[in-house]
Structure formats: C-alpha cells, structure tokens
PDB file of N, CA and C in Angstrom:
ATOM      1  N   MET A   1    -104.648  61.589 -84.292  1.00  0.00           N
ATOM      2  CA  MET A   1    -103.448  62.064 -83.611  1.00  0.00           C
ATOM      3  C   MET A   1    -102.359  62.335 -84.651  1.00  0.00           C
ATOM      4  N   ILE A   2    -101.630  63.392 -84.442  1.00  0.00           N
ATOM      5  CA  ILE A   2    -100.520  63.772 -85.308  1.00  0.00           C
ATOM      6  C   ILE A   2     -99.236  63.214 -84.706  1.00  0.00           C
ATOM      7  N   HIS A   3     -98.390  62.629 -85.561  1.00  0.00           N
ATOM      8  CA  HIS A   3     -97.106  62.095 -85.109  1.00  0.00           C
ATOM      9  C   HIS A   3     -95.995  62.864 -85.814  1.00  0.00           C
ATOM     10  N   VAL A   4     -95.129  63.470 -85.024  1.00  0.00           N
ATOM     11  CA  VAL A   4     -94.018  64.257 -85.564  1.00  0.00           C
ATOM     12  C   VAL A   4     -92.730  63.484 -85.322  1.00  0.00           C
ATOM     13  N   TYR A   5     -91.943  63.335 -86.393  1.00  0.00           N
ATOM     14  CA  TYR A   5     -90.680  62.605 -86.324  1.00  0.00           C
ATOM     15  C   TYR A   5     -89.551  63.572 -86.643  1.00  0.00           C
ATOM     16  N   GLY A   6     -88.506  63.526 -85.838  1.00  0.00           N
ATOM     17  CA  GLY A   6     -87.386  64.407 -86.100  1.00  0.00           C
ATOM     18  C   GLY A   6     -86.322  64.297 -85.037  1.00  0.00           C
ATOM     19  N   ILE A   7     -85.524  65.342 -84.946  1.00  0.00           N
ATOM     20  CA  ILE A   7     -84.435  65.445 -83.985  1.00  0.00           C
ATOM     21  C   ILE A   7     -84.711  66.705 -83.165  1.00  0.00           C
ATOM     22  N   PRO A   8     -84.765  66.588 -81.831  1.00  0.00           N
ATOM     23  CA  PRO A   8     -85.221  67.715 -81.016  1.00  0.00           C
ATOM     24  C   PRO A   8     -84.375  68.986 -81.118  1.00  0.00           C
ATOM     25  N   ASN A   9     -83.093  68.881 -81.446  1.00  0.00           N
ATOM     26  CA  ASN A   9     -82.279  70.092 -81.509  1.00  0.00           C
ATOM     27  C   ASN A   9     -82.282  70.751 -82.891  1.00  0.00           C
ATOM     28  N   CYS A  10     -83.063  70.212 -83.819  1.00  0.00           N
ATOM     29  CA  CYS A  10     -83.198  70.784 -85.169  1.00  0.00           C
ATOM     30  C   CYS A  10     -84.125  72.001 -85.094  1.00  0.00           C
ATOM     31  N   ASP A  11     -83.678  73.127 -85.622  1.00  0.00           N
ATOM     32  CA  ASP A  11     -84.478  74.360 -85.571  1.00  0.00           C
ATOM     33  C   ASP A  11     -85.831  74.208 -86.256  1.00  0.00           C
ATOM     34  N   THR A  12     -85.869  73.494 -87.381  1.00  0.00           N
ATOM     35  CA  THR A  12     -87.128  73.316 -88.100  1.00  0.00           C
ATOM     36  C   THR A  12     -88.102  72.464 -87.289  1.00  0.00           C
ATOM     37  N   VAL A  13     -87.582  71.455 -86.618  1.00  0.00           N
ATOM     38  CA  VAL A  13     -88.423  70.621 -85.754  1.00  0.00           C
ATOM     39  C   VAL A  13     -88.946  71.462 -84.588  1.00  0.00           C
ATOM     40  N   LYS A  14     -88.071  72.275 -84.003  1.00  0.00           N
ATOM     41  CA  LYS A  14     -88.497  73.136 -82.895  1.00  0.00           C
ATOM     42  C   LYS A  14     -89.638  74.055 -83.321  1.00  0.00           C
ATOM     43  N   LYS A  15     -89.512  74.653 -84.512  1.00  0.00           N
ATOM     44  CA  LYS A  15     -90.560  75.551 -85.020  1.00  0.00           C
ATOM     45  C   LYS A  15     -91.874  74.799 -85.209  1.00  0.00           C
ATOM     46  N   SER A  16     -91.793  73.592 -85.757  1.00  0.00           N
ATOM     47  CA  SER A  16     -93.017  72.834 -86.010  1.00  0.00           C
ATOM     48  C   SER A  16     -93.689  72.425 -84.705  1.00  0.00           C
ATOM     49  N   LEU A  17     -92.898  71.986 -83.735  1.00  0.00           N
ATOM     50  CA  LEU A  17     -93.471  71.590 -82.443  1.00  0.00           C
ATOM     51  C   LEU A  17     -94.090  72.789 -81.732  1.00  0.00           C
ATOM     52  N   GLN A  18     -93.419  73.926 -81.803  1.00  0.00           N
ATOM     53  CA  GLN A  18     -93.955  75.141 -81.192  1.00  0.00           C
ATOM     54  C   GLN A  18     -95.273  75.547 -81.857  1.00  0.00           C
ATOM     55  N   PHE A  19     -95.319  75.461 -83.184  1.00  0.00           N
ATOM     56  CA  PHE A  19     -96.540  75.805 -83.904  1.00  0.00           C
ATOM     57  C   PHE A  19     -97.684  74.887 -83.485  1.00  0.00           C
ATOM     58  N   LEU A  20     -97.423  73.588 -83.409  1.00  0.00           N
ATOM     59  CA  LEU A  20     -98.462  72.633 -83.021  1.00  0.00           C
ATOM     60  C   LEU A  20     -98.929  72.878 -81.587  1.00  0.00           C
ATOM     61  N   GLN A  21     -97.990  73.180 -80.689  1.00  0.00           N
ATOM     62  CA  GLN A  21     -98.359  73.470 -79.301  1.00  0.00           C
ATOM     63  C   GLN A  21     -99.236  74.715 -79.219  1.00  0.00           C
ATOM     64  N   GLN A  22     -98.837  75.770 -79.932  1.00  0.00           N
ATOM     65  CA  GLN A  22     -99.611  77.012 -79.904  1.00  0.00           C
ATOM     66  C   GLN A  22    -100.976  76.842 -80.552  1.00  0.00           C
ATOM     67  N   SER A  23    -101.100  75.859 -81.450  1.00  0.00           N
ATOM     68  CA  SER A  23    -102.372  75.580 -82.108  1.00  0.00           C
ATOM     69  C   SER A  23    -103.231  74.603 -81.314  1.00  0.00           C
ATOM     70  N   ASN A  24    -102.726  74.186 -80.157  1.00  0.00           N
ATOM     71  CA  ASN A  24    -103.417  73.213 -79.310  1.00  0.00           C
ATOM     72  C   ASN A  24    -103.726  71.925 -80.059  1.00  0.00           C
ATOM     73  N   ALA A  25    -102.824  71.526 -80.949  1.00  0.00           N
ATOM     74  CA  ALA A  25    -102.990  70.279 -81.704  1.00  0.00           C
ATOM     75  C   ALA A  25    -102.415  69.128 -80.879  1.00  0.00           C
ATOM     76  N   GLY A  26    -103.150  68.049 -80.807  1.00  0.00           N
ATOM     77  CA  GLY A  26    -102.645  66.866 -80.118  1.00  0.00           C
ATOM     78  C   GLY A  26    -101.619  66.155 -80.989  1.00  0.00           C
ATOM     79  N   PHE A  27    -100.426  65.915 -80.446  1.00  0.00           N
ATOM     80  CA  PHE A  27     -99.388  65.259 -81.237  1.00  0.00           C
ATOM     81  C   PHE A  27     -98.432  64.484 -80.340  1.00  0.00           C
ATOM     82  N   THR A  28     -97.724  63.568 -80.950  1.00  0.00           N
ATOM     83  CA  THR A  28     -96.641  62.868 -80.273  1.00  0.00           C
ATOM     84  C   THR A  28     -95.355  63.205 -81.019  1.00  0.00           C
ATOM     85  N   PHE A  29     -94.230  63.084 -80.331  1.00  0.00           N
ATOM     86  CA  PHE A  29     -92.932  63.342 -80.945  1.00  0.00           C
ATOM     87  C   PHE A  29     -92.068  62.095 -80.850  1.00  0.00           C
ATOM     88  N   HIS A  30     -91.439  61.750 -81.958  1.00  0.00           N
ATOM     89  CA  HIS A  30     -90.564  60.585 -82.038  1.00  0.00           C
ATOM     90  C   HIS A  30     -89.175  61.073 -82.458  1.00  0.00           C
ATOM     91  N   ASN A  31     -88.204  60.910 -81.572  1.00  0.00           N
ATOM     92  CA  ASN A  31     -86.827  61.289 -81.860  1.00  0.00           C
ATOM     93  C   ASN A  31     -86.187  60.150 -82.640  1.00  0.00           C
ATOM     94  N   PHE A  32     -86.104  60.276 -83.964  1.00  0.00           N
ATOM     95  CA  PHE A  32     -85.628  59.143 -84.747  1.00  0.00           C
ATOM     96  C   PHE A  32     -84.122  58.959 -84.664  1.00  0.00           C
ATOM     97  N   LYS A  33     -83.422  59.914 -84.096  1.00  0.00           N
ATOM     98  CA  LYS A  33     -81.979  59.717 -83.899  1.00  0.00           C
ATOM     99  C   LYS A  33     -81.754  58.750 -82.733  1.00  0.00           C
ATOM    100  N   LYS A  34     -82.574  58.872 -81.697  1.00  0.00           N
ATOM    101  CA  LYS A  34     -82.447  57.986 -80.527  1.00  0.00           C
ATOM    102  C   LYS A  34     -83.284  56.718 -80.662  1.00  0.00           C
ATOM    103  N   GLU A  35     -84.488  56.861 -81.236  1.00  0.00           N
ATOM    104  CA  GLU A  35     -85.432  55.744 -81.274  1.00  0.00           C
ATOM    105  C   GLU A  35     -85.420  54.982 -82.588  1.00  0.00           C
ATOM    106  N   GLY A  36     -84.741  55.525 -83.606  1.00  0.00           N
ATOM    107  CA  GLY A  36     -84.680  54.860 -84.900  1.00  0.00           C
ATOM    108  C   GLY A  36     -85.973  54.983 -85.684  1.00  0.00           C
ATOM    109  N   VAL A  37     -85.928  54.454 -86.899  1.00  0.00           N
ATOM    110  CA  VAL A  37     -87.099  54.434 -87.772  1.00  0.00           C
ATOM    111  C   VAL A  37     -87.110  53.078 -88.462  1.00  0.00           C
ATOM    112  N   SER A  38     -88.239  52.424 -88.478  1.00  0.00           N
ATOM    113  CA  SER A  38     -88.338  51.089 -89.057  1.00  0.00           C
ATOM    114  C   SER A  38     -88.300  51.122 -90.586  1.00  0.00           C
ATOM    115  N   THR A  39     -87.909  50.016 -91.149  1.00  0.00           N
ATOM    116  CA  THR A  39     -87.902  49.862 -92.606  1.00  0.00           C
ATOM    117  C   THR A  39     -89.305  50.077 -93.162  1.00  0.00           C
ATOM    118  N   GLU A  40     -90.318  49.542 -92.485  1.00  0.00           N
ATOM    119  CA  GLU A  40     -91.698  49.672 -92.939  1.00  0.00           C
ATOM    120  C   GLU A  40     -92.130  51.140 -92.966  1.00  0.00           C
ATOM    121  N   GLN A  41     -91.746  51.861 -91.916  1.00  0.00           N
ATOM    122  CA  GLN A  41     -92.133  53.260 -91.843  1.00  0.00           C
ATOM    123  C   GLN A  41     -91.451  54.067 -92.956  1.00  0.00           C
ATOM    124  N   LEU A  42     -90.158  53.855 -93.145  1.00  0.00           N
ATOM    125  CA  LEU A  42     -89.446  54.561 -94.201  1.00  0.00           C
ATOM    126  C   LEU A  42     -90.030  54.222 -95.572  1.00  0.00           C
ATOM    127  N   SER A  43     -90.376  52.974 -95.781  1.00  0.00           N
ATOM    128  CA  SER A  43     -90.998  52.566 -97.058  1.00  0.00           C
ATOM    129  C   SER A  43     -92.307  53.302 -97.285  1.00  0.00           C
ATOM    130  N   ARG A  44     -93.113  53.394 -96.244  1.00  0.00           N
ATOM    131  CA  ARG A  44     -94.396  54.095 -96.340  1.00  0.00           C
ATOM    132  C   ARG A  44     -94.173  55.582 -96.652  1.00  0.00           C
ATOM    133  N   TRP A  45     -93.198  56.190 -95.980  1.00  0.00           N
ATOM    134  CA  TRP A  45     -92.914  57.605 -96.217  1.00  0.00           C
ATOM    135  C   TRP A  45     -92.435  57.831 -97.650  1.00  0.00           C
ATOM    136  N   ILE A  46     -91.574  56.931 -98.142  1.00  0.00           N
ATOM    137  CA  ILE A  46     -91.063  57.066 -99.513  1.00  0.00           C
ATOM    138  C   ILE A  46     -92.220  56.985-100.506  1.00  0.00           C
ATOM    139  N   LYS A  47     -93.141  56.049-100.283  1.00  0.00           N
ATOM    140  CA  LYS A  47     -94.290  55.907-101.182  1.00  0.00           C
ATOM    141  C   LYS A  47     -95.143  57.171-101.199  1.00  0.00           C
ATOM    142  N   GLN A  48     -95.274  57.817-100.042  1.00  0.00           N
ATOM    143  CA  GLN A  48     -96.139  58.997 -99.961  1.00  0.00           C
ATOM    144  C   GLN A  48     -95.459  60.292-100.384  1.00  0.00           C
ATOM    145  N   THR A  49     -94.162  60.417-100.093  1.00  0.00           N
ATOM    146  CA  THR A  49     -93.502  61.704-100.354  1.00  0.00           C
ATOM    147  C   THR A  49     -92.482  61.646-101.486  1.00  0.00           C
ATOM    148  N   GLY A  50     -91.987  60.458-101.798  1.00  0.00           N
ATOM    149  CA  GLY A  50     -90.908  60.323-102.777  1.00  0.00           C
ATOM    150  C   GLY A  50     -89.547  60.483-102.118  1.00  0.00           C
ATOM    151  N   LEU A  51     -88.545  59.865-102.705  1.00  0.00           N
ATOM    152  CA  LEU A  51     -87.192  59.928-102.145  1.00  0.00           C
ATOM    153  C   LEU A  51     -86.658  61.352-102.083  1.00  0.00           C
ATOM    154  N   ASP A  52     -86.883  62.124-103.137  1.00  0.00           N
ATOM    155  CA  ASP A  52     -86.330  63.475-103.184  1.00  0.00           C
ATOM    156  C   ASP A  52     -86.869  64.363-102.067  1.00  0.00           C
ATOM    157  N   SER A  53     -88.087  64.121-101.667  1.00  0.00           N
ATOM    158  CA  SER A  53     -88.677  64.908-100.591  1.00  0.00           C
ATOM    159  C   SER A  53     -88.206  64.436 -99.223  1.00  0.00           C
ATOM    160  N   LEU A  54     -87.857  63.172 -99.102  1.00  0.00           N
ATOM    161  CA  LEU A  54     -87.524  62.597 -97.798  1.00  0.00           C
ATOM    162  C   LEU A  54     -86.049  62.721 -97.436  1.00  0.00           C
ATOM    163  N   ILE A  55     -85.170  62.723 -98.423  1.00  0.00           N
ATOM    164  CA  ILE A  55     -83.740  62.809 -98.135  1.00  0.00           C
ATOM    165  C   ILE A  55     -83.298  64.270 -98.213  1.00  0.00           C
ATOM    166  N   ASN A  56     -82.650  64.715 -97.149  1.00  0.00           N
ATOM    167  CA  ASN A  56     -82.186  66.092 -97.065  1.00  0.00           C
ATOM    168  C   ASN A  56     -80.814  66.206 -97.731  1.00  0.00           C
ATOM    169  N   LYS A  57     -80.809  66.563 -98.992  1.00  0.00           N
ATOM    170  CA  LYS A  57     -79.562  66.661 -99.753  1.00  0.00           C
ATOM    171  C   LYS A  57     -78.863  68.003 -99.564  1.00  0.00           C
ATOM    172  N   LYS A  58     -79.458  68.897 -98.797  1.00  0.00           N
ATOM    173  CA  LYS A  58     -78.830  70.191 -98.534  1.00  0.00           C
ATOM    174  C   LYS A  58     -78.034  70.185 -97.234  1.00  0.00           C
ATOM    175  N   GLY A  59     -78.211  69.142 -96.430  1.00  0.00           N
ATOM    176  CA  GLY A  59     -77.576  69.092 -95.121  1.00  0.00           C
ATOM    177  C   GLY A  59     -76.125  68.627 -95.143  1.00  0.00           C
ATOM    178  N   THR A  60     -75.463  68.861 -94.041  1.00  0.00           N
ATOM    179  CA  THR A  60     -74.051  68.500 -93.929  1.00  0.00           C
ATOM    180  C   THR A  60     -73.840  66.984 -93.919  1.00  0.00           C
ATOM    181  N   THR A  61     -74.810  66.233 -93.431  1.00  0.00           N
ATOM    182  CA  THR A  61     -74.660  64.774 -93.424  1.00  0.00           C
ATOM    183  C   THR A  61     -74.574  64.253 -94.853  1.00  0.00           C
ATOM    184  N   TRP A  62     -75.477  64.714 -95.722  1.00  0.00           N
ATOM    185  CA  TRP A  62     -75.465  64.293 -97.124  1.00  0.00           C
ATOM    186  C   TRP A  62     -74.157  64.713 -97.793  1.00  0.00           C
ATOM    187  N   LYS A  63     -73.791  65.958 -97.587  1.00  0.00           N
ATOM    188  CA  LYS A  63     -72.586  66.480 -98.230  1.00  0.00           C
ATOM    189  C   LYS A  63     -71.324  65.774 -97.752  1.00  0.00           C
ATOM    190  N   GLY A  64     -71.377  65.199 -96.548  1.00  0.00           N
ATOM    191  CA  GLY A  64     -70.224  64.490 -96.001  1.00  0.00           C
ATOM    192  C   GLY A  64     -70.105  63.046 -96.474  1.00  0.00           C
ATOM    193  N   LEU A  65     -71.130  62.545 -97.144  1.00  0.00           N
ATOM    194  CA  LEU A  65     -71.096  61.162 -97.629  1.00  0.00           C
ATOM    195  C   LEU A  65     -70.235  61.053 -98.884  1.00  0.00           C
ATOM    196  N   GLU A  66     -69.553  59.932 -99.002  1.00  0.00           N
ATOM    197  CA  GLU A  66     -68.790  59.642-100.219  1.00  0.00           C
ATOM    198  C   GLU A  66     -69.784  59.508-101.381  1.00  0.00           C
ATOM    199  N   PRO A  67     -69.367  59.866-102.594  1.00  0.00           N
ATOM    200  CA  PRO A  67     -70.265  59.754-103.754  1.00  0.00           C
ATOM    201  C   PRO A  67     -70.863  58.350-103.922  1.00  0.00           C
ATOM    202  N   GLU A  68     -70.095  57.315-103.591  1.00  0.00           N
ATOM    203  CA  GLU A  68     -70.618  55.943-103.702  1.00  0.00           C
ATOM    204  C   GLU A  68     -71.796  55.740-102.750  1.00  0.00           C
ATOM    205  N   MET A  69     -71.704  56.336-101.559  1.00  0.00           N
ATOM    206  CA  MET A  69     -72.799  56.208-100.590  1.00  0.00           C
ATOM    207  C   MET A  69     -74.007  57.021-101.049  1.00  0.00           C
ATOM    208  N   GLN A  70     -73.757  58.206-101.589  1.00  0.00           N
ATOM    209  CA  GLN A  70     -74.863  59.022-102.087  1.00  0.00           C
ATOM    210  C   GLN A  70     -75.606  58.290-103.199  1.00  0.00           C
ATOM    211  N   GLU A  71     -74.856  57.548-103.987  1.00  0.00           N
ATOM    212  CA  GLU A  71     -75.468  56.810-105.085  1.00  0.00           C
ATOM    213  C   GLU A  71     -76.454  55.742-104.592  1.00  0.00           C
ATOM    214  N   GLN A  72     -76.212  55.216-103.389  1.00  0.00           N
ATOM    215  CA  GLN A  72     -77.110  54.210-102.816  1.00  0.00           C
ATOM    216  C   GLN A  72     -78.516  54.774-102.620  1.00  0.00           C
ATOM    217  N   ALA A  73     -78.609  56.084-102.490  1.00  0.00           N
ATOM    218  CA  ALA A  73     -79.901  56.721-102.230  1.00  0.00           C
ATOM    219  C   ALA A  73     -80.772  56.816-103.474  1.00  0.00           C
ATOM    220  N   GLN A  74     -80.309  56.297-104.591  1.00  0.00           N
ATOM    221  CA  GLN A  74     -81.087  56.372-105.827  1.00  0.00           C
ATOM    222  C   GLN A  74     -82.244  55.381-105.856  1.00  0.00           C
ATOM    223  N   ASP A  75     -82.132  54.304-105.067  1.00  0.00           N
ATOM    224  CA  ASP A  75     -83.246  53.344-105.021  1.00  0.00           C
ATOM    225  C   ASP A  75     -83.740  53.233-103.587  1.00  0.00           C
ATOM    226  N   PRO A  76     -85.007  52.885-103.406  1.00  0.00           N
ATOM    227  CA  PRO A  76     -85.590  52.861-102.063  1.00  0.00           C
ATOM    228  C   PRO A  76     -84.836  51.990-101.058  1.00  0.00           C
ATOM    229  N   ALA A  77     -84.425  50.791-101.443  1.00  0.00           N
ATOM    230  CA  ALA A  77     -83.752  49.905-100.488  1.00  0.00           C
ATOM    231  C   ALA A  77     -82.443  50.520-100.002  1.00  0.00           C
ATOM    232  N   GLY A  78     -81.659  51.068-100.919  1.00  0.00           N
ATOM    233  CA  GLY A  78     -80.398  51.704-100.540  1.00  0.00           C
ATOM    234  C   GLY A  78     -80.633  52.954 -99.706  1.00  0.00           C
ATOM    235  N   ALA A  79     -81.647  53.723-100.067  1.00  0.00           N
ATOM    236  CA  ALA A  79     -81.971  54.939 -99.328  1.00  0.00           C
ATOM    237  C   ALA A  79     -82.401  54.604 -97.898  1.00  0.00           C
ATOM    238  N   ILE A  80     -83.176  53.557 -97.748  1.00  0.00           N
ATOM    239  CA  ILE A  80     -83.621  53.141 -96.414  1.00  0.00           C
ATOM    240  C   ILE A  80     -82.430  52.748 -95.554  1.00  0.00           C
ATOM    241  N   ARG A  81     -81.518  51.982 -96.114  1.00  0.00           N
ATOM    242  CA  ARG A  81     -80.307  51.598 -95.351  1.00  0.00           C
ATOM    243  C   ARG A  81     -79.530  52.840 -94.920  1.00  0.00           C
ATOM    244  N   LEU A  82     -79.374  53.790 -95.830  1.00  0.00           N
ATOM    245  CA  LEU A  82     -78.644  55.022 -95.496  1.00  0.00           C
ATOM    246  C   LEU A  82     -79.352  55.822 -94.409  1.00  0.00           C
ATOM    247  N   MET A  83     -80.671  55.974 -94.538  1.00  0.00           N
ATOM    248  CA  MET A  83     -81.417  56.763 -93.551  1.00  0.00           C
ATOM    249  C   MET A  83     -81.417  56.097 -92.180  1.00  0.00           C
ATOM    250  N   GLN A  84     -81.387  54.775 -92.152  1.00  0.00           N
ATOM    251  CA  GLN A  84     -81.326  54.095 -90.859  1.00  0.00           C
ATOM    252  C   GLN A  84     -79.935  54.228 -90.240  1.00  0.00           C
ATOM    253  N   SER A  85     -78.910  54.258 -91.086  1.00  0.00           N
ATOM    254  CA  SER A  85     -77.540  54.428 -90.585  1.00  0.00           C
ATOM    255  C   SER A  85     -77.253  55.881 -90.224  1.00  0.00           C
ATOM    256  N   TYR A  86     -77.840  56.791 -90.972  1.00  0.00           N
ATOM    257  CA  TYR A  86     -77.626  58.233 -90.785  1.00  0.00           C
ATOM    258  C   TYR A  86     -78.978  58.942 -90.706  1.00  0.00           C
ATOM    259  N   PRO A  87     -79.636  58.891 -89.553  1.00  0.00           N
ATOM    260  CA  PRO A  87     -80.973  59.504 -89.434  1.00  0.00           C
ATOM    261  C   PRO A  87     -81.002  60.989 -89.786  1.00  0.00           C
ATOM    262  N   SER A  88     -79.877  61.658 -89.675  1.00  0.00           N
ATOM    263  CA  SER A  88     -79.837  63.086 -90.013  1.00  0.00           C
ATOM    264  C   SER A  88     -80.051  63.335 -91.502  1.00  0.00           C
ATOM    265  N   LEU A  89     -80.022  62.279 -92.310  1.00  0.00           N
ATOM    266  CA  LEU A  89     -80.310  62.409 -93.740  1.00  0.00           C
ATOM    267  C   LEU A  89     -81.790  62.652 -94.015  1.00  0.00           C
ATOM    268  N   ILE A  90     -82.632  62.313 -93.047  1.00  0.00           N
ATOM    269  CA  ILE A  90     -84.078  62.443 -93.239  1.00  0.00           C
ATOM    270  C   ILE A  90     -84.475  63.908 -93.070  1.00  0.00           C
ATOM    271  N   LYS A  91     -85.174  64.435 -94.060  1.00  0.00           N
ATOM    272  CA  LYS A  91     -85.646  65.818 -93.982  1.00  0.00           C
ATOM    273  C   LYS A  91     -86.597  65.932 -92.803  1.00  0.00           C
ATOM    274  N   ARG A  92     -86.440  66.999 -92.055  1.00  0.00           N
ATOM    275  CA  ARG A  92     -87.192  67.139 -90.817  1.00  0.00           C
ATOM    276  C   ARG A  92     -88.081  68.382 -90.850  1.00  0.00           C
ATOM    277  N   PRO A  93     -89.194  68.249 -90.106  1.00  0.00           N
ATOM    278  CA  PRO A  93     -89.753  67.035 -89.531  1.00  0.00           C
ATOM    279  C   PRO A  93     -90.515  66.224 -90.584  1.00  0.00           C
ATOM    280  N   VAL A  94     -90.718  64.970 -90.260  1.00  0.00           N
ATOM    281  CA  VAL A  94     -91.665  64.149 -91.010  1.00  0.00           C
ATOM    282  C   VAL A  94     -92.916  64.124 -90.142  1.00  0.00           C
ATOM    283  N   VAL A  95     -94.045  64.458 -90.745  1.00  0.00           N
ATOM    284  CA  VAL A  95     -95.294  64.503 -89.978  1.00  0.00           C
ATOM    285  C   VAL A  95     -96.288  63.537 -90.586  1.00  0.00           C
ATOM    286  N   GLU A  96     -96.790  62.643 -89.736  1.00  0.00           N
ATOM    287  CA  GLU A  96     -97.891  61.757 -90.114  1.00  0.00           C
ATOM    288  C   GLU A  96     -99.141  62.413 -89.541  1.00  0.00           C
ATOM    289  N   TRP A  97     -99.990  62.904 -90.431  1.00  0.00           N
ATOM    290  CA  TRP A  97    -101.191  63.621 -90.022  1.00  0.00           C
ATOM    291  C   TRP A  97    -102.297  62.644 -89.636  1.00  0.00           C
ATOM    292  N   ALA A  98    -103.286  63.131 -88.978  1.00  0.00           N
ATOM    293  CA  ALA A  98    -104.383  62.297 -88.485  1.00  0.00           C
ATOM    294  C   ALA A  98    -105.077  61.526 -89.603  1.00  0.00           C
ATOM    295  N   ASP A  99    -105.076  62.063 -90.830  1.00  0.00           N
ATOM    296  CA  ASP A  99    -105.725  61.377 -91.942  1.00  0.00           C
ATOM    297  C   ASP A  99    -104.831  60.325 -92.603  1.00  0.00           C
ATOM    298  N   GLY A 100    -103.610  60.143 -92.066  1.00  0.00           N
ATOM    299  CA  GLY A 100    -102.696  59.130 -92.605  1.00  0.00           C
ATOM    300  C   GLY A 100    -101.713  59.663 -93.637  1.00  0.00           C
ATOM    301  N   SER A 101    -101.886  60.906 -94.062  1.00  0.00           N
ATOM    302  CA  SER A 101    -100.954  61.471 -95.040  1.00  0.00           C
ATOM    303  C   SER A 101     -99.652  61.887 -94.352  1.00  0.00           C
ATOM    304  N   VAL A 102     -98.622  62.075 -95.161  1.00  0.00           N
ATOM    305  CA  VAL A 102     -97.288  62.380 -94.646  1.00  0.00           C
ATOM    306  C   VAL A 102     -96.740  63.614 -95.358  1.00  0.00           C
ATOM    307  N   THR A 103     -96.122  64.514 -94.580  1.00  0.00           N
ATOM    308  CA  THR A 103     -95.430  65.659 -95.155  1.00  0.00           C
ATOM    309  C   THR A 103     -94.031  65.744 -94.544  1.00  0.00           C
ATOM    310  N   THR A 104     -93.144  66.439 -95.262  1.00  0.00           N
ATOM    311  CA  THR A 104     -91.794  66.673 -94.747  1.00  0.00           C
ATOM    312  C   THR A 104     -91.542  68.176 -94.700  1.00  0.00           C
ATOM    313  N   GLY A 105     -90.723  68.575 -93.737  1.00  0.00           N
ATOM    314  CA  GLY A 105     -90.391  69.984 -93.589  1.00  0.00           C
ATOM    315  C   GLY A 105     -91.487  70.749 -92.870  1.00  0.00           C
ATOM    316  N   PHE A 106     -91.225  72.032 -92.650  1.00  0.00           N
ATOM    317  CA  PHE A 106     -92.190  72.873 -91.956  1.00  0.00           C
ATOM    318  C   PHE A 106     -92.492  74.122 -92.767  1.00  0.00           C
ATOM    319  N   SER A 107     -93.755  74.396 -92.884  1.00  0.00           N
ATOM    320  CA  SER A 107     -94.248  75.639 -93.457  1.00  0.00           C
ATOM    321  C   SER A 107     -95.475  76.005 -92.630  1.00  0.00           C
ATOM    322  N   GLU A 108     -95.483  77.216 -92.117  1.00  0.00           N
ATOM    323  CA  GLU A 108     -96.615  77.639 -91.295  1.00  0.00           C
ATOM    324  C   GLU A 108     -97.923  77.528 -92.074  1.00  0.00           C
ATOM    325  N   ALA A 109     -97.891  77.904 -93.347  1.00  0.00           N
ATOM    326  CA  ALA A 109     -99.098  77.836 -94.174  1.00  0.00           C
ATOM    327  C   ALA A 109     -99.575  76.391 -94.327  1.00  0.00           C
ATOM    328  N   LEU A 110     -98.649  75.479 -94.569  1.00  0.00           N
ATOM    329  CA  LEU A 110     -99.012  74.065 -94.711  1.00  0.00           C
ATOM    330  C   LEU A 110     -99.599  73.525 -93.415  1.00  0.00           C
ATOM    331  N   PHE A 111     -98.931  73.768 -92.299  1.00  0.00           N
ATOM    332  CA  PHE A 111     -99.416  73.264 -91.013  1.00  0.00           C
ATOM    333  C   PHE A 111    -100.772  73.868 -90.684  1.00  0.00           C
ATOM    334  N   ASP A 112    -100.922  75.166 -90.930  1.00  0.00           N
ATOM    335  CA  ASP A 112    -102.189  75.824 -90.662  1.00  0.00           C
ATOM    336  C   ASP A 112    -103.317  75.201 -91.480  1.00  0.00           C
ATOM    337  N   ALA A 113    -103.054  74.959 -92.764  1.00  0.00           N
ATOM    338  CA  ALA A 113    -104.054  74.347 -93.638  1.00  0.00           C
ATOM    339  C   ALA A 113    -104.383  72.935 -93.189  1.00  0.00           C
ATOM    340  N   ARG A 114    -103.377  72.185 -92.755  1.00  0.00           N
ATOM    341  CA  ARG A 114    -103.595  70.803 -92.330  1.00  0.00           C
ATOM    342  C   ARG A 114    -104.423  70.719 -91.039  1.00  0.00           C
ATOM    343  N   LEU A 115    -104.320  71.726 -90.222  1.00  0.00           N
ATOM    344  CA  LEU A 115    -105.035  71.721 -88.933  1.00  0.00           C
ATOM    345  C   LEU A 115    -106.483  72.182 -89.051  1.00  0.00           C
ATOM    346  N   LYS A 116    -106.873  72.698 -90.209  1.00  0.00           N
ATOM    347  CA  LYS A 116    -108.252  73.185 -90.380  1.00  0.00           C
ATOM    348  C   LYS A 116    -109.183  72.068 -90.759  1.00  0.00           C
TER     349      LYS A 116
END
C-alpha cells in the first residue's frame, strides 16, 4: 500500500493524488497539518531522504521564519521540532511506497516509474 502525506489544498499534493487515482494505485492519504507527524516518522524520512529534501526552503513558511529558527533545521532534532510545529515546512507530498522507500515532491515520471 502507498501512503501519501501532505496538505489537501497543496497543488502538488492534488496532482500526485490525481495521478495515483488515474493509475488505479491503492493509497491512503494522511493530512499532516490536521493529523500531525510523529517524531519516529520524521526521523525515518530524514534518514531516507535527507534534511535538504524534506524541508521546503522555497516556501513562504520557511521564508517567514526568523534566522535563528531556520538555523534549528541544521540538525535532525531541531528540524523535527520545527516540522512538527510548522507542518507546512515539509516538502509535499511525502510518499511511502509499498517497498518501504520514501520520496518527496511530485514528478509524473518518478510516480510512473515507481508504479511499474
């Protein structure tokens, strides 16, 4: 089963969910803004994707943080605290694929390859 994590009103999340639906892929959706994300899950994602891939530094949430807060994102523990406080910092979507691997963001080519 594929697990998609994100925020439902995010355009990139919408595109990924639409692609999965049109591909008849079985998946679940987790709204991490409403349902949160556990420390264990964030730790696992960081190990698989790296901090730079998981934190959305191009978004308005990141840009709105004070430099001292942005600095907390340099180490995993600080980054986890920030992402739990500000879920919009997490690059969307985060996808846990059936094989246990994790990807961030949406690319039709990537999703297509993963579904084959």
